[in-house]
Amino acid sequence: MKCIVVHYSEIGLKGKNRDFFERKLVSNIKATLKDFAPIVKRLSGRLMIDYDPDDEKKIRERLVSVPGIASFSFAEQADRDVDDIKKAIDELSGGKVKSFAIKTTRGDKNFKYDSQELNVMLGDYVNEKYGWKVDLTKPDRTFFVEITSGDAFVYTEKIRGMGGLPVGSSGRLVSLLSGGIDSPVAAFEMFKRGCPVTFVHFHNWSAQKDIVRDKVERIVTVLSRYQPESRLYLVPFEELQKSLVASVPSKYRMIVYRRIMFRIARMIAEKEKALGFVTGDSVGQVASQTLENLGVIYDAAKLPVLTPMAGANKDDIIAKAKSIGTYDISTLPYSDCCSFLVDKHPETKARLEDIQKVEVGIKDMGKLVKIAVKRSEVKKY
């Protein structure tokens, strides 16, 4: 019988908590493949999925985007019987092949043959039946054989997954999502640590409002491949911008702007029951991302701020953005809601007490923050 064998790595290290992580991974796989109505079974150290071979290409494309999966294989399920395993090998023996290898793993040590004995027995069978030569270095085809406590599985390809932990096994985060390259990559990195992410984007109703909205929504659509459900808060920021420009010296505006963003995001985090934030900040990349300025900015968050891009080089971030599918969208031209706030000579070593004094002069800041949250539009994916 044809099936998919799913392997995980980190989940296997969870000891008494492994059951929780396994169940979360099963739930996420079912959600990802919901239109295929999959039957997902939990076996010893792995999962098994029933599937229709006609859907193999689409299922492959989706499973590579599920955090928690280390690898998966389209396999033949067999009884724990050498003759039945040989039949499974026959099912996978089509095409032009001159050399082969057998690689057996025996999860159940009570099976009557050890791995090496099975390799020899099955190798002799393939050599005699098909005339292929054994090549353990660069074979045309490798037959992977797994012996579990209940079944045997045979497959010829290990498809690499994302690894990490299943989304939902860690606490929720709020992502401050710009239209740039870095913040989508940062959110993606936290998916792999099991964190579901709620997205927040700040905008003003400029002449480019439809372009900006479309761009951000497309980014969230791509990121939604990696978690079962997503929400995007579109936060209007125009009134706060006007008040900020009128009251804050230009060299401090970007710092104050980001502190206000965190105040708004903090209220959204409370609604979402989120435990922290994730940003695309990379140390020293721009003036607002010096360590001094980041310390002042994060002071307004009052919750943990996770920065997975903090030590990453720009080239590495770009490469990751390309691999997850957000780069082409992120590089579309548009003017974001804070570009005009950037001073020619911005403050790079802000002091908290100076910024707090400046903020006192912003008219109705608390009221405007609440209004911005109230007027936010929420989209579900």
Protein backbone atom coordinates (compact mmCIF):
# COMPACT_ATOMS: atom_id res chain seq x y z
CA MET A 1 0.00 0.00 0.00
CA LYS A 2 1.23 3.47 -0.88
CA CYS A 3 1.69 5.95 1.97
CA ILE A 4 3.79 8.89 3.12
CA VAL A 5 6.25 8.38 5.97
CA VAL A 6 6.96 11.56 7.94
CA HIS A 7 10.01 11.92 10.15
CA TYR A 8 10.69 14.59 12.74
CA SER A 9 13.86 15.46 14.63
CA GLU A 10 13.49 17.91 17.54
CA ILE A 11 10.15 16.47 18.58
CA GLY A 12 11.87 13.19 19.28
CA LEU A 13 13.92 14.87 22.00
CA LYS A 14 10.90 16.10 23.99
CA GLY A 15 10.63 13.13 26.37
CA LYS A 16 7.36 13.11 28.30
CA ASN A 17 6.10 16.12 26.28
CA ARG A 18 6.54 14.40 22.92
CA ASP A 19 2.87 13.42 22.77
CA PHE A 20 1.84 17.10 22.82
CA PHE A 21 4.23 18.02 19.99
CA GLU A 22 3.25 14.99 17.90
CA ARG A 23 -0.44 15.84 18.21
CA LYS A 24 0.22 19.44 17.19
CA LEU A 25 2.17 18.30 14.14
CA VAL A 26 -0.62 15.89 13.15
CA SER A 27 -3.16 18.70 13.49
CA ASN A 28 -1.08 21.03 11.31
CA ILE A 29 -0.58 18.39 8.63
CA LYS A 30 -4.32 17.75 8.50
CA ALA A 31 -4.97 21.48 8.19
CA THR A 32 -2.38 21.85 5.42
CA LEU A 33 -3.80 18.89 3.48
CA LYS A 34 -7.46 19.45 4.41
CA ASP A 35 -8.75 19.35 0.84
CA PHE A 36 -7.17 15.89 0.46
CA ALA A 37 -8.91 14.56 3.59
CA PRO A 38 -5.77 12.76 4.81
CA ILE A 39 -5.68 10.01 7.40
CA VAL A 40 -2.63 10.66 9.59
CA LYS A 41 -1.46 7.90 11.92
CA ARG A 42 1.06 8.18 14.71
CA LEU A 43 3.63 5.39 14.73
CA SER A 44 6.76 4.90 16.77
CA GLY A 45 8.95 7.94 16.08
CA ARG A 46 7.22 8.81 12.81
CA LEU A 47 3.88 9.57 11.19
CA MET A 48 2.14 7.83 8.31
CA ILE A 49 -0.24 9.51 5.85
CA ASP A 50 -2.56 7.76 3.42
CA TYR A 51 -2.75 9.53 0.06
CA ASP A 52 -3.89 9.29 -3.54
CA PRO A 53 -0.85 8.97 -5.87
CA ASP A 54 -2.55 11.40 -8.28
CA ASP A 55 -2.09 14.11 -5.63
CA GLU A 56 1.59 13.45 -4.99
CA LYS A 57 2.95 16.66 -6.56
CA LYS A 58 0.55 18.96 -4.70
CA ILE A 59 1.06 17.15 -1.40
CA ARG A 60 4.85 17.34 -1.78
CA GLU A 61 4.64 21.13 -2.32
CA ARG A 62 2.61 21.57 0.86
CA LEU A 63 4.47 19.24 3.21
CA VAL A 64 7.82 20.97 2.60
CA SER A 65 6.19 24.07 4.16
CA VAL A 66 5.10 22.44 7.42
CA PRO A 67 7.36 23.33 10.38
CA GLY A 68 8.24 20.29 12.48
CA ILE A 69 8.77 17.89 9.57
CA ALA A 70 12.43 16.92 9.20
CA SER A 71 11.85 14.77 6.10
CA PHE A 72 9.14 12.76 4.39
CA SER A 73 9.01 10.03 1.77
CA PHE A 74 6.44 8.56 -0.59
CA ALA A 75 6.68 4.92 0.38
CA GLU A 76 5.35 1.41 -0.03
CA GLN A 77 3.97 -0.08 3.17
CA ALA A 78 4.69 -3.78 3.69
CA ASP A 79 4.27 -6.46 6.31
CA ARG A 80 7.23 -7.34 8.53
CA ASP A 81 8.04 -10.17 6.17
CA VAL A 82 11.02 -10.39 3.82
CA ASP A 83 8.93 -11.60 0.86
CA ASP A 84 6.47 -8.74 1.32
CA ILE A 85 9.34 -6.25 1.53
CA LYS A 86 10.65 -7.66 -1.75
CA LYS A 87 7.26 -6.97 -3.35
CA ALA A 88 7.46 -3.39 -2.13
CA ILE A 89 10.90 -3.06 -3.73
CA ASP A 90 9.44 -4.37 -7.00
CA GLU A 91 6.85 -1.57 -6.92
CA LEU A 92 9.68 0.96 -6.85
CA SER A 93 11.94 -0.67 -9.43
CA GLY A 94 10.77 1.01 -12.63
CA GLY A 95 12.95 3.16 -14.89
CA LYS A 96 16.50 2.90 -16.15
CA VAL A 97 18.78 1.71 -13.37
CA LYS A 98 22.25 0.17 -13.54
CA SER A 99 23.34 0.30 -9.91
CA PHE A 100 21.61 0.30 -6.54
CA ALA A 101 22.05 0.21 -2.78
CA ILE A 102 19.92 -1.04 0.11
CA LYS A 103 19.91 0.94 3.36
CA THR A 104 17.93 -0.63 6.18
CA THR A 105 17.10 0.88 9.55
CA ARG A 106 15.65 -1.45 12.16
CA GLY A 107 13.64 0.52 14.70
CA ASP A 108 12.40 -2.70 16.27
CA LYS A 109 15.45 -4.61 17.49
CA ASN A 110 13.30 -7.69 18.05
CA PHE A 111 12.97 -8.26 14.32
CA LYS A 112 14.63 -11.56 13.50
CA TYR A 113 17.16 -10.12 11.04
CA ASP A 114 19.51 -7.24 11.77
CA SER A 115 20.05 -4.35 9.33
CA GLN A 116 23.13 -5.82 7.67
CA GLU A 117 21.49 -9.21 7.15
CA LEU A 118 18.49 -7.52 5.52
CA ASN A 119 20.75 -5.44 3.28
CA VAL A 120 22.44 -8.59 2.02
CA MET A 121 19.22 -10.59 1.55
CA LEU A 122 17.40 -7.80 -0.27
CA GLY A 123 20.50 -6.83 -2.24
CA ASP A 124 20.91 -10.39 -3.51
CA TYR A 125 17.26 -10.42 -4.52
CA VAL A 126 17.51 -7.19 -6.55
CA ASN A 127 20.81 -8.23 -8.16
CA GLU A 128 19.46 -11.61 -9.26
CA LYS A 129 16.08 -10.32 -10.49
CA TYR A 130 17.13 -7.11 -12.24
CA GLY A 131 20.84 -7.61 -12.91
CA TRP A 132 21.75 -4.30 -11.30
CA LYS A 133 25.13 -3.90 -9.64
CA VAL A 134 25.56 -2.93 -6.01
CA ASP A 135 27.12 0.52 -5.61
CA LEU A 136 27.25 1.91 -2.08
CA THR A 137 28.93 5.17 -3.14
CA LYS A 138 26.90 6.67 -6.00
CA PRO A 139 24.06 4.29 -6.83
CA ASP A 140 21.44 5.15 -9.46
CA ARG A 141 18.82 4.19 -6.93
CA THR A 142 18.79 3.65 -3.18
CA PHE A 143 16.09 1.60 -1.52
CA PHE A 144 15.52 2.76 2.05
CA VAL A 145 13.93 0.09 4.21
CA GLU A 146 12.47 0.85 7.66
CA ILE A 147 11.44 -1.87 10.06
CA THR A 148 9.08 -0.60 12.77
CA SER A 149 7.25 -2.40 15.54
CA GLY A 150 4.18 -2.80 13.33
CA ASP A 151 5.12 -2.46 9.66
CA ALA A 152 7.90 -2.13 7.13
CA PHE A 153 8.30 0.80 4.74
CA VAL A 154 10.29 1.03 1.53
CA TYR A 155 11.06 4.25 -0.35
CA THR A 156 13.66 5.69 -2.71
CA GLU A 157 13.71 9.39 -1.80
CA LYS A 158 14.01 11.45 1.38
CA ILE A 159 12.45 14.86 0.86
CA ARG A 160 13.84 17.48 3.21
CA GLY A 161 11.34 19.38 5.36
CA MET A 162 11.64 22.58 7.40
CA GLY A 163 12.55 20.87 10.66
CA GLY A 164 12.06 22.71 13.93
CA LEU A 165 8.84 22.56 15.95
CA PRO A 166 5.20 22.52 14.83
CA VAL A 167 3.44 25.88 14.79
CA GLY A 168 1.27 26.22 17.90
CA SER A 169 3.62 24.35 20.21
CA SER A 170 5.07 27.66 21.48
CA GLY A 171 3.47 30.97 22.45
CA ARG A 172 1.94 33.43 19.99
CA LEU A 173 3.92 36.43 18.72
CA VAL A 174 2.92 39.67 17.03
CA SER A 175 4.99 40.51 13.96
CA LEU A 176 5.54 44.17 13.12
CA LEU A 177 5.39 43.62 9.38
CA SER A 178 6.74 46.25 7.04
CA GLY A 179 6.68 45.95 3.28
CA GLY A 180 10.42 45.24 3.24
CA ILE A 181 12.59 42.13 3.08
CA ASP A 182 13.58 41.55 6.71
CA SER A 183 10.37 41.33 8.75
CA PRO A 184 8.74 38.51 6.72
CA VAL A 185 11.92 36.43 7.11
CA ALA A 186 11.95 37.08 10.86
CA ALA A 187 8.34 35.85 11.16
CA PHE A 188 9.22 32.74 9.15
CA GLU A 189 12.09 31.93 11.50
CA MET A 190 9.72 32.00 14.46
CA PHE A 191 7.30 29.60 12.74
CA LYS A 192 10.08 27.02 12.98
CA ARG A 193 10.28 27.57 16.72
CA GLY A 194 6.60 26.66 17.05
CA CYS A 195 5.27 30.23 17.37
CA PRO A 196 2.00 31.17 15.68
CA VAL A 197 2.30 34.74 14.41
CA THR A 198 -0.25 37.56 14.13
CA PHE A 199 0.78 40.25 11.64
CA VAL A 200 0.47 44.00 12.19
CA HIS A 201 1.09 46.56 9.47
CA PHE A 202 0.97 50.35 9.89
CA HIS A 203 -0.13 52.51 6.97
CA ASN A 204 -1.28 55.95 6.01
CA TRP A 205 -3.89 56.57 3.34
CA SER A 206 -1.51 57.94 0.73
CA ALA A 207 -1.99 57.97 -3.02
CA GLN A 208 -0.29 54.54 -3.01
CA LYS A 209 -2.62 53.02 -0.41
CA ASP A 210 -3.95 50.29 -2.72
CA ILE A 211 -0.45 49.34 -3.87
CA VAL A 212 0.82 49.15 -0.30
CA ARG A 213 -2.18 47.15 0.89
CA ASP A 214 -1.89 44.67 -1.97
CA LYS A 215 1.82 44.19 -1.33
CA VAL A 216 1.44 43.50 2.40
CA GLU A 217 -1.52 41.18 1.87
CA ARG A 218 0.45 39.21 -0.70
CA ILE A 219 3.34 38.83 1.74
CA VAL A 220 0.97 37.51 4.41
CA THR A 221 -0.59 35.13 1.88
CA VAL A 222 2.85 33.63 1.23
CA LEU A 223 3.68 33.40 4.94
CA SER A 224 0.34 31.72 5.58
CA ARG A 225 1.66 28.63 3.81
CA TYR A 226 3.72 27.96 6.93
CA GLN A 227 1.02 28.20 9.61
CA PRO A 228 -2.56 26.88 9.61
CA GLU A 229 -4.26 30.25 10.23
CA SER A 230 -3.10 33.87 9.95
CA ARG A 231 -4.51 37.26 10.88
CA LEU A 232 -3.36 40.65 9.61
CA TYR A 233 -4.14 43.91 11.39
CA LEU A 234 -4.01 46.92 9.06
CA VAL A 235 -3.50 49.87 11.40
CA PRO A 236 -4.23 53.46 10.22
CA PHE A 237 -1.39 55.73 11.26
CA GLU A 238 -2.04 59.03 9.51
CA GLU A 239 -3.33 61.01 12.51
CA LEU A 240 -0.48 59.88 14.72
CA GLN A 241 2.00 60.78 12.00
CA LYS A 242 0.65 64.32 11.77
CA SER A 243 0.87 64.77 15.53
CA LEU A 244 4.36 63.26 15.61
CA VAL A 245 5.70 65.49 12.82
CA ALA A 246 4.26 68.56 14.50
CA SER A 247 5.79 67.81 17.91
CA VAL A 248 8.98 65.76 17.58
CA PRO A 249 12.40 67.03 16.39
CA SER A 250 13.24 65.34 13.08
CA LYS A 251 16.30 63.50 14.41
CA TYR A 252 14.13 61.68 16.97
CA ARG A 253 11.08 60.98 14.78
CA MET A 254 11.94 57.45 13.68
CA ILE A 255 12.66 56.38 17.24
CA VAL A 256 9.44 57.88 18.60
CA TYR A 257 7.51 56.48 15.64
CA ARG A 258 8.66 52.96 16.42
CA ARG A 259 7.91 53.36 20.12
CA ILE A 260 4.35 54.33 19.23
CA MET A 261 4.13 51.31 16.95
CA PHE A 262 4.98 49.10 19.92
CA ARG A 263 2.34 50.78 22.08
CA ILE A 264 -0.29 49.99 19.45
CA ALA A 265 1.08 46.50 18.89
CA ARG A 266 1.02 45.89 22.65
CA MET A 267 -2.75 46.48 22.70
CA ILE A 268 -3.17 44.10 19.77
CA ALA A 269 -0.96 41.54 21.53
CA GLU A 270 -3.30 41.68 24.52
CA LYS A 271 -6.29 40.99 22.27
CA GLU A 272 -4.44 38.14 20.57
CA LYS A 273 -3.10 36.68 23.83
CA ALA A 274 0.41 37.03 22.38
CA LEU A 275 3.45 36.71 24.63
CA GLY A 276 5.88 38.86 22.67
CA PHE A 277 6.88 40.52 19.42
CA VAL A 278 9.05 39.58 16.45
CA THR A 279 10.80 42.19 14.30
CA GLY A 280 13.17 42.16 11.35
CA ASP A 281 15.74 44.35 13.10
CA SER A 282 19.35 43.67 12.14
CA VAL A 283 21.94 45.37 14.33
CA GLY A 284 23.50 48.38 12.64
CA GLN A 285 21.63 48.00 9.35
CA VAL A 286 19.99 51.45 9.63
CA ALA A 287 20.24 54.32 12.12
CA SER A 288 17.27 53.19 14.21
CA GLN A 289 18.89 49.76 14.66
CA THR A 290 21.94 50.74 16.68
CA LEU A 291 22.01 48.97 20.03
CA GLU A 292 21.40 52.25 21.84
CA ASN A 293 18.33 53.07 19.75
CA LEU A 294 16.94 49.55 19.87
CA GLY A 295 17.13 49.63 23.65
CA VAL A 296 15.10 52.82 23.75
CA ILE A 297 12.59 51.56 21.17
CA TYR A 298 12.03 48.19 22.84
CA ASP A 299 11.44 49.90 26.19
CA ALA A 300 7.96 50.78 24.89
CA ALA A 301 7.12 47.14 24.09
CA LYS A 302 6.84 45.92 27.71
CA LEU A 303 6.89 42.37 26.30
CA PRO A 304 9.82 40.30 24.96
CA VAL A 305 10.98 41.44 21.52
CA LEU A 306 12.51 38.61 19.47
CA THR A 307 14.89 39.59 16.68
CA PRO A 308 16.00 36.48 14.74
CA MET A 309 17.68 38.67 12.09
CA ALA A 310 19.77 40.57 14.67
CA GLY A 311 23.08 39.02 13.65
CA ALA A 312 22.29 38.18 10.02
CA ASN A 313 24.04 39.72 7.02
CA LYS A 314 21.81 41.35 4.42
CA ASP A 315 22.87 38.86 1.75
CA ASP A 316 21.79 35.99 4.01
CA ILE A 317 18.43 37.63 4.69
CA ILE A 318 17.87 38.15 0.96
CA ALA A 319 18.72 34.51 0.24
CA LYS A 320 16.24 33.34 2.88
CA ALA A 321 13.54 35.69 1.54
CA LYS A 322 14.01 34.19 -1.91
CA SER A 323 13.78 30.64 -0.56
CA ILE A 324 10.50 31.25 1.31
CA GLY A 325 8.88 33.15 -1.55
CA THR A 326 8.62 36.70 -0.15
CA TYR A 327 11.55 38.43 -1.85
CA ASP A 328 9.95 39.34 -5.18
CA ILE A 329 6.96 40.86 -3.39
CA SER A 330 9.07 42.66 -0.78
CA THR A 331 11.18 44.36 -3.47
CA LEU A 332 8.22 45.82 -5.34
CA PRO A 333 8.58 49.64 -5.21
CA TYR A 334 6.35 51.62 -2.86
CA SER A 335 6.61 54.42 -0.32
CA ASP A 336 5.96 53.12 3.20
CA CYS A 337 4.33 55.12 5.96
CA CYS A 338 7.57 56.10 7.69
CA SER A 339 9.94 56.88 4.82
CA PHE A 340 9.37 60.63 5.08
CA LEU A 341 10.18 60.53 8.82
CA VAL A 342 13.83 59.65 8.20
CA ASP A 343 16.07 62.61 9.00
CA LYS A 344 19.26 63.33 7.05
CA HIS A 345 21.18 63.11 10.32
CA PRO A 346 19.14 60.88 12.65
CA GLU A 347 20.03 60.22 16.25
CA THR A 348 22.07 57.03 16.57
CA LYS A 349 22.65 57.00 20.34
CA ALA A 350 19.34 58.04 21.81
CA ARG A 351 18.82 58.30 25.57
CA LEU A 352 15.53 57.11 27.03
CA GLU A 353 15.04 60.17 29.21
CA ASP A 354 15.40 62.50 26.19
CA ILE A 355 12.86 60.54 24.16
CA GLN A 356 10.38 60.40 27.02
CA LYS A 357 10.55 64.18 27.38
CA VAL A 358 9.85 64.60 23.68
CA GLU A 359 6.87 62.24 23.83
CA VAL A 360 5.20 64.35 26.53
CA GLY A 361 4.70 67.02 23.89
CA ILE A 362 2.77 64.81 21.45
CA LYS A 363 -0.82 65.99 21.64
CA ASP A 364 -3.41 63.31 22.50
CA MET A 365 -0.94 60.45 21.92
CA GLY A 366 -2.75 58.01 24.23
CA LYS A 367 -6.10 58.79 22.69
CA LEU A 368 -4.76 58.49 19.14
CA VAL A 369 -3.16 55.12 19.95
CA LYS A 370 -6.51 53.74 21.11
CA ILE A 371 -8.29 55.15 18.05
CA ALA A 372 -5.71 53.52 15.75
CA VAL A 373 -6.32 50.12 17.36
CA LYS A 374 -10.09 50.57 17.22
CA ARG A 375 -10.02 51.49 13.53
CA SER A 376 -7.70 48.63 12.54
CA GLU A 377 -8.98 46.34 9.85
CA VAL A 378 -8.49 42.62 10.52
CA LYS A 379 -8.10 40.14 7.68
CA LYS A 380 -8.03 36.36 8.10
CA TYR A 381 -6.13 33.88 5.96
